Amino acid sequence: MSASTKLLSGVSKNFSYLRDLALMAFPNNCLVCARTLMSDERDICFSCIDSLPETGYQHMADNPVAQQFWGRMPFVQASAYLYVQDANITQEMIHLLKYHRKHRIGIKLGRLYGYKLSQMQPDIDLIVPVPLHVNRKRERGYNQCDYFAQGLSEVLQVPYEPDAMKRIKENISQTRRTRYDRWENVEGIFALADPDRVKGKHILLVDDVITTGATIESCASALLTGADVRVSVAAIATAGR
C-alpha cells in the first residue's frame, strides 16, 4: 500500500470515527421506532424498512387496487406501496406523517416506492397529490400527500405539482362512512387549477391511503376533464394483510 493510500485510508477511518462520535453525542433517531440511526441509515432504520408490508402491486396489472377502479374511471395503472391495518407499522407511519409533522417519512416512502416504480419504466409526465381543502390545510399546516409526491418526484425525475388540483368543497371525514356515503361525500369536490398545466400529460395521482377509492375517483374525474390527459394512481397504502 502506498503512503498516499495509507494516508487517505487513515483520514477516512478518522472521519468515520469522528462521525460516529458525533452521532453518539447528537443522536439521529429513526422516525418510526426512535432507535439511533447508524451512519449509513437516513430517516428510517433498515430494520423498520425491512419490516414494511409491501404489496408488490406495481408488478400486477390486475392487482386489487386497480380492480377497485375497473368500470369506474379510465386509468393506465394503479397500485399502492404498502398494506395498512390496525396497529401495523404502516398505520403508525401514516399517523406520524399526517398528525405529527414527520414530513420526512412521506419523502422517504416516496423515494422507496419511486425506486420500485422506476424499475417498471413508467412514462409519467407529472405527479399530482390529492389536495386538501384550504381550510383543512391551514388547520394542519401542510398536505401529507405533498411529501410522498416529492419523494416520488426525486427518484422518478418527474416534476410534481402540488397546486395542479384544488378542492373546491370541504367534505366531511371519510372515517366510518359506507362506500356509497363516501362517494356522495367527495362527488364534485375537486377541480383543475389550470387545464393547460395538465394538457396532454400522463398524470400520476397520489394519495396516502386508498380504501374504497372514492376520493381518487373523484379527483381523477376532475383531472380527466383536461385535454388528452391520462391518469395513473399510486398510494402509500391500501387495506390488506
Protein backbone atom coordinates (compact mmCIF):
# COMPACT_ATOMS: atom_id res chain seq x y z
CA MET A 1 0.00 0.00 0.00
CA SER A 2 1.42 3.40 -0.98
CA ALA A 3 1.97 6.19 1.51
CA SER A 4 -0.81 8.26 -0.08
CA THR A 5 -3.25 5.34 0.06
CA LYS A 6 -2.39 4.75 3.72
CA LEU A 7 -2.91 8.44 4.42
CA LEU A 8 -6.33 8.51 2.69
CA SER A 9 -7.32 5.30 4.48
CA GLY A 10 -6.33 6.82 7.80
CA VAL A 11 -8.23 10.03 7.07
CA SER A 12 -11.32 8.00 6.05
CA LYS A 13 -11.18 5.93 9.24
CA ASN A 14 -10.71 9.03 11.36
CA PHE A 15 -13.64 10.73 9.62
CA SER A 16 -15.87 7.68 10.20
CA TYR A 17 -14.76 7.59 13.84
CA LEU A 18 -15.49 11.29 14.32
CA ARG A 19 -18.86 10.93 12.56
CA ASP A 20 -19.79 8.01 14.82
CA LEU A 21 -18.79 10.06 17.87
CA ALA A 22 -20.97 12.92 16.62
CA LEU A 23 -23.93 10.56 16.18
CA MET A 24 -23.44 9.38 19.77
CA ALA A 25 -23.27 12.93 21.06
CA PHE A 26 -26.18 14.17 18.94
CA PRO A 27 -28.43 11.14 18.31
CA ASN A 28 -30.19 10.90 14.97
CA ASN A 29 -33.15 8.67 15.63
CA CYS A 30 -35.36 6.58 13.39
CA LEU A 31 -38.58 8.49 12.77
CA VAL A 32 -40.60 5.34 13.36
CA CYS A 33 -39.03 3.30 16.17
CA ALA A 34 -36.79 6.08 17.64
CA ARG A 35 -33.72 3.82 17.59
CA THR A 36 -30.47 5.71 16.99
CA LEU A 37 -29.64 5.50 13.30
CA MET A 38 -26.37 4.04 12.11
CA SER A 39 -24.06 6.16 9.95
CA ASP A 40 -25.45 4.70 6.69
CA GLU A 41 -29.12 5.00 7.67
CA ARG A 42 -31.30 8.00 6.91
CA ASP A 43 -34.64 8.92 8.50
CA ILE A 44 -35.95 5.34 8.86
CA CYS A 45 -33.74 2.49 10.06
CA PHE A 46 -33.11 -0.59 7.94
CA SER A 47 -34.96 -2.76 10.44
CA CYS A 48 -38.16 -0.74 10.00
CA ILE A 49 -37.72 -0.67 6.23
CA ASP A 50 -37.26 -4.45 6.16
CA SER A 51 -40.50 -4.88 8.13
CA LEU A 52 -42.61 -2.80 5.73
CA PRO A 53 -45.58 -4.88 4.47
CA GLU A 54 -45.11 -4.30 0.75
CA THR A 55 -47.93 -5.20 -1.64
CA GLY A 56 -45.85 -5.73 -4.78
CA TYR A 57 -48.86 -4.44 -6.72
CA GLN A 58 -46.69 -2.45 -9.13
CA HIS A 59 -45.86 -5.77 -10.81
CA MET A 60 -49.53 -6.76 -11.24
CA ALA A 61 -51.73 -5.05 -13.84
CA ASP A 62 -54.89 -6.55 -12.32
CA ASN A 63 -53.94 -6.01 -8.66
CA PRO A 64 -56.69 -5.36 -6.07
CA VAL A 65 -56.19 -1.56 -6.17
CA ALA A 66 -56.57 -1.50 -9.94
CA GLN A 67 -59.64 -3.73 -9.70
CA GLN A 68 -61.32 -1.13 -7.50
CA PHE A 69 -61.37 1.30 -10.42
CA TRP A 70 -62.46 -1.10 -13.15
CA GLY A 71 -65.57 0.33 -14.81
CA ARG A 72 -65.41 3.46 -12.62
CA MET A 73 -62.82 5.56 -14.42
CA PRO A 74 -60.28 5.23 -17.25
CA PHE A 75 -56.72 4.78 -15.98
CA VAL A 76 -53.37 3.40 -17.10
CA GLN A 77 -52.06 1.81 -13.89
CA ALA A 78 -52.99 1.81 -10.20
CA SER A 79 -51.11 0.49 -7.19
CA ALA A 80 -50.24 1.07 -3.54
CA TYR A 81 -46.88 0.57 -1.86
CA LEU A 82 -47.89 -0.94 1.50
CA TYR A 83 -50.65 -2.75 3.30
CA VAL A 84 -52.23 -0.88 6.21
CA GLN A 85 -54.23 -2.33 9.07
CA ASP A 86 -54.84 -1.56 12.73
CA ALA A 87 -51.63 -1.16 14.73
CA ASN A 88 -49.21 -2.16 11.98
CA ILE A 89 -46.12 -0.15 11.08
CA THR A 90 -47.81 1.43 8.05
CA GLN A 91 -50.61 2.84 10.17
CA GLU A 92 -48.06 4.23 12.63
CA MET A 93 -46.04 5.91 9.87
CA ILE A 94 -49.09 7.48 8.26
CA HIS A 95 -50.27 8.73 11.65
CA LEU A 96 -46.85 10.30 12.32
CA LEU A 97 -46.80 11.87 8.85
CA LYS A 98 -50.36 13.12 8.97
CA TYR A 99 -50.69 14.41 12.51
CA HIS A 100 -47.17 14.81 13.95
CA ARG A 101 -45.40 16.71 11.17
CA LYS A 102 -42.98 13.87 10.39
CA HIS A 103 -42.67 15.09 6.81
CA ARG A 104 -39.51 13.10 6.13
CA ILE A 105 -41.49 9.87 6.50
CA GLY A 106 -43.56 10.86 3.47
CA ILE A 107 -40.47 11.81 1.47
CA LYS A 108 -38.68 8.59 2.43
CA LEU A 109 -41.65 6.41 1.47
CA GLY A 110 -41.93 8.29 -1.81
CA ARG A 111 -38.28 7.64 -2.56
CA LEU A 112 -38.55 3.96 -1.67
CA TYR A 113 -41.63 3.45 -3.83
CA GLY A 114 -40.23 5.67 -6.56
CA TYR A 115 -37.30 3.29 -6.90
CA LYS A 116 -39.65 0.34 -7.32
CA LEU A 117 -41.81 2.18 -9.84
CA SER A 118 -38.72 3.30 -11.78
CA GLN A 119 -37.92 -0.35 -12.48
CA MET A 120 -41.23 -0.54 -14.35
CA GLN A 121 -40.11 2.39 -16.58
CA PRO A 122 -43.33 4.40 -16.30
CA ASP A 123 -43.94 7.18 -18.85
CA ILE A 124 -45.19 9.67 -16.25
CA ASP A 125 -45.09 13.38 -17.13
CA LEU A 126 -46.34 14.95 -13.90
CA ILE A 127 -47.05 13.89 -10.31
CA VAL A 128 -50.13 15.39 -8.67
CA PRO A 129 -51.07 14.85 -5.00
CA VAL A 130 -54.71 14.73 -3.94
CA PRO A 131 -55.27 18.22 -2.47
CA LEU A 132 -56.64 19.24 0.90
CA HIS A 133 -59.26 21.93 1.21
CA VAL A 134 -57.69 25.29 2.03
CA ASN A 135 -59.32 25.31 5.49
CA ARG A 136 -58.03 21.82 6.34
CA LYS A 137 -54.57 22.67 5.05
CA ARG A 138 -54.50 25.88 7.08
CA GLU A 139 -55.52 23.94 10.19
CA ARG A 140 -52.96 21.16 9.69
CA GLY A 141 -50.29 23.36 8.15
CA TYR A 142 -49.47 21.02 5.26
CA ASN A 143 -50.79 18.32 2.95
CA GLN A 144 -49.20 14.97 3.82
CA CYS A 145 -49.58 13.77 0.20
CA ASP A 146 -47.23 16.53 -0.99
CA TYR A 147 -44.28 14.87 0.76
CA PHE A 148 -44.98 11.45 -0.74
CA ALA A 149 -45.22 13.15 -4.15
CA GLN A 150 -41.91 14.94 -3.50
CA GLY A 151 -40.12 11.67 -2.76
CA LEU A 152 -41.55 10.04 -5.88
CA SER A 153 -40.52 13.07 -7.93
CA GLU A 154 -36.92 12.95 -6.72
CA VAL A 155 -36.42 9.33 -7.79
CA LEU A 156 -38.57 9.23 -10.92
CA GLN A 157 -37.10 12.59 -12.03
CA VAL A 158 -40.57 13.81 -12.90
CA PRO A 159 -41.90 17.18 -11.68
CA TYR A 160 -44.66 17.26 -9.09
CA GLU A 161 -47.29 19.96 -8.95
CA PRO A 162 -48.98 20.33 -5.54
CA ASP A 163 -51.27 23.08 -6.83
CA ALA A 164 -52.45 21.46 -10.07
CA MET A 165 -55.73 20.49 -8.40
CA LYS A 166 -57.90 22.32 -5.93
CA ARG A 167 -60.54 21.06 -3.53
CA ILE A 168 -63.49 23.38 -4.04
CA LYS A 169 -65.68 21.95 -1.29
CA GLU A 170 -64.71 20.86 2.20
CA ASN A 171 -66.01 17.34 2.73
CA ILE A 172 -66.70 15.55 5.99
CA SER A 173 -64.16 12.98 7.20
CA GLN A 174 -64.46 9.67 5.36
CA THR A 175 -63.88 7.63 8.51
CA ARG A 176 -66.68 5.17 9.33
CA ARG A 177 -68.73 6.09 6.25
CA THR A 178 -70.25 3.47 3.94
CA ARG A 179 -68.97 3.03 0.36
CA TYR A 180 -71.98 4.90 -1.06
CA ASP A 181 -71.72 7.65 1.54
CA ARG A 182 -68.01 8.05 0.76
CA TRP A 183 -68.78 8.62 -2.93
CA GLU A 184 -71.53 11.14 -2.15
CA ASN A 185 -69.15 12.86 0.25
CA VAL A 186 -66.49 13.51 -2.42
CA GLU A 187 -68.54 13.88 -5.59
CA GLY A 188 -67.70 17.11 -7.40
CA ILE A 189 -65.32 18.45 -4.74
CA PHE A 190 -62.22 18.74 -6.99
CA ALA A 191 -61.37 20.98 -9.94
CA LEU A 192 -58.37 21.76 -12.12
CA ALA A 193 -56.48 24.89 -11.12
CA ASP A 194 -55.38 25.48 -14.72
CA PRO A 195 -56.27 23.00 -17.51
CA ASP A 196 -53.19 24.00 -19.52
CA ARG A 197 -50.89 22.68 -16.77
CA VAL A 198 -52.08 19.10 -17.31
CA LYS A 199 -52.93 19.22 -21.03
CA GLY A 200 -51.60 16.20 -22.92
CA LYS A 201 -49.87 14.75 -19.84
CA HIS A 202 -49.80 11.34 -18.20
CA ILE A 203 -50.53 12.20 -14.56
CA LEU A 204 -49.52 10.10 -11.57
CA LEU A 205 -52.22 10.92 -9.00
CA VAL A 206 -51.05 10.15 -5.46
CA ASP A 207 -52.81 9.76 -2.12
CA ASP A 208 -51.90 8.47 1.32
CA VAL A 209 -54.43 5.63 1.77
CA ILE A 210 -56.86 4.06 -0.69
CA THR A 211 -59.89 2.45 0.91
CA THR A 212 -62.98 2.48 -1.32
CA GLY A 213 -61.23 4.61 -3.95
CA ALA A 214 -63.96 7.27 -3.87
CA THR A 215 -61.57 10.18 -3.30
CA ILE A 216 -59.20 9.06 -6.06
CA GLU A 217 -62.10 8.51 -8.45
CA SER A 218 -63.49 11.98 -7.82
CA CYS A 219 -60.08 13.63 -8.20
CA ALA A 220 -59.27 11.64 -11.34
CA SER A 221 -62.62 12.63 -12.87
CA ALA A 222 -61.64 16.28 -12.49
CA LEU A 223 -58.17 15.62 -13.96
CA LEU A 224 -59.68 13.85 -16.95
CA THR A 225 -61.59 16.98 -17.90
CA GLY A 226 -58.22 18.26 -19.14
CA ALA A 227 -57.44 17.79 -22.83
CA ASP A 228 -55.76 14.47 -23.70
CA VAL A 229 -55.00 13.62 -20.07
CA ARG A 230 -54.16 10.09 -18.92
CA VAL A 231 -54.16 9.10 -15.24
CA SER A 232 -52.28 6.52 -13.18
CA VAL A 233 -52.64 6.10 -9.43
CA ALA A 234 -50.15 5.45 -6.62
CA ALA A 235 -50.78 5.50 -2.87
CA ILE A 236 -48.70 4.93 0.21
CA ALA A 237 -51.08 2.23 1.39
CA THR A 238 -54.23 0.23 0.94
CA ALA A 239 -56.14 -2.03 3.31
CA GLY A 240 -54.85 -5.59 3.44
CA ARG A 241 -52.92 -8.19 5.38
